[in-house]
Protein backbone atom coordinates (compact mmCIF):
# COMPACT_ATOMS: atom_id res chain seq x y z
CA MET A 1 0.00 0.00 0.00
CA PRO A 2 1.54 3.36 -1.01
CA LEU A 3 2.22 5.96 1.63
CA PRO A 4 0.32 9.26 1.37
CA LEU A 5 2.39 12.16 0.05
CA PRO A 6 3.06 15.01 2.46
CA GLU A 7 1.19 18.22 1.78
CA VAL A 8 3.35 20.62 -0.18
CA GLN A 9 4.16 23.95 1.46
CA VAL A 10 4.51 27.12 -0.61
CA ASP A 11 5.54 30.38 1.07
CA GLY A 12 4.92 28.83 4.48
CA GLU A 13 1.30 27.94 3.71
CA PRO A 14 -0.12 24.57 2.73
CA LYS A 15 -0.80 24.41 -1.00
CA ALA A 16 -4.51 23.87 -0.44
CA LEU A 17 -4.78 27.13 1.55
CA GLN A 18 -3.33 29.44 -1.11
CA SER A 19 -5.62 32.16 -2.31
CA PRO A 20 -7.28 31.62 -5.71
CA THR A 21 -6.93 35.37 -6.26
CA ARG A 22 -3.14 35.11 -5.89
CA LYS A 23 -3.05 32.28 -8.43
CA LEU A 24 -5.14 34.30 -10.88
CA VAL A 25 -3.00 37.44 -10.47
CA LEU A 26 0.20 35.47 -11.09
CA LEU A 27 -1.31 33.80 -14.16
CA VAL A 28 -2.34 37.17 -15.59
CA ILE A 29 1.13 38.62 -14.95
CA PHE A 30 2.86 35.68 -16.64
CA CYS A 31 0.49 35.80 -19.65
CA LEU A 32 0.97 39.56 -19.99
CA ALA A 33 4.74 39.16 -19.92
CA GLN A 34 4.60 36.49 -22.64
CA PHE A 35 2.35 38.71 -24.77
CA LEU A 36 4.71 41.68 -24.42
CA ASP A 37 7.66 39.52 -25.41
CA GLY A 38 5.87 38.45 -28.57
CA VAL A 39 4.93 42.05 -29.41
CA ASN A 40 8.55 43.14 -28.93
CA ASN A 41 9.82 40.46 -31.30
CA SER A 42 7.23 41.38 -33.92
CA SER A 43 7.95 45.09 -33.64
CA LEU A 44 11.66 44.54 -34.25
CA LEU A 45 10.99 42.63 -37.45
CA SER A 46 8.64 45.30 -38.76
CA ALA A 47 10.99 48.17 -37.79
CA LEU A 48 14.14 46.58 -39.21
CA PRO A 49 13.81 47.94 -42.79
CA ALA A 50 13.40 51.49 -41.46
CA LEU A 51 16.44 51.01 -39.21
CA ASP A 52 18.46 49.72 -42.15
CA ASN A 53 17.60 52.74 -44.29
CA SER A 54 18.06 55.39 -41.61
CA MET A 55 21.36 54.03 -40.27
CA GLY A 56 22.78 52.77 -43.56
CA MET A 57 23.23 49.22 -42.29
CA THR A 58 24.05 46.26 -44.47
CA SER A 59 22.12 43.02 -44.24
CA SER A 60 24.91 41.41 -42.19
CA GLN A 61 24.78 44.28 -39.69
CA SER A 62 21.02 43.98 -39.37
CA THR A 63 21.52 40.28 -38.63
CA TRP A 64 23.63 41.31 -35.64
CA VAL A 65 20.80 43.55 -34.43
CA ILE A 66 18.37 40.63 -34.59
CA SER A 67 20.86 38.34 -32.83
CA ALA A 68 21.48 40.84 -30.03
CA PHE A 69 17.75 41.35 -29.53
CA GLN A 70 17.09 37.61 -29.41
CA LEU A 71 19.97 37.04 -26.98
CA THR A 72 18.55 39.66 -24.64
CA PHE A 73 15.10 38.11 -25.00
CA ALA A 74 16.44 34.65 -24.14
CA SER A 75 18.29 35.98 -21.09
CA PHE A 76 15.17 37.60 -19.69
CA LEU A 77 13.18 34.48 -20.52
CA LEU A 78 15.50 32.45 -18.29
CA ILE A 79 15.17 34.99 -15.48
CA SER A 80 11.38 35.09 -15.76
CA GLY A 81 11.28 31.29 -15.74
CA ARG A 82 13.19 31.24 -12.49
CA ILE A 83 10.85 33.85 -11.00
CA SER A 84 7.83 31.77 -12.00
CA ASP A 85 9.43 28.75 -10.31
CA VAL A 86 9.95 30.70 -7.09
CA TYR A 87 6.41 32.12 -7.07
CA ASN A 88 4.64 28.97 -8.22
CA PRO A 89 1.06 29.81 -9.21
CA SER A 90 -0.26 26.26 -8.94
């Protein structure tokens, strides 16, 4: 017969006693952050031709702009993933 699992504690409270409002607020924050990340990526791609023309960049230089933007995006994605692990909404 399997042993019952101990009740998981999050922020010093049993998991069952966490506020549904807190879970909903965290979910909304995480979804909003994901939406803003997608908008930022899309805006870079649409603004890139104007940046090329105004700054006189070549196609290889604009590739570096995209790479730098994506590297920054990935770095913040790792940080936000860690934050969501610390403040677990479920």
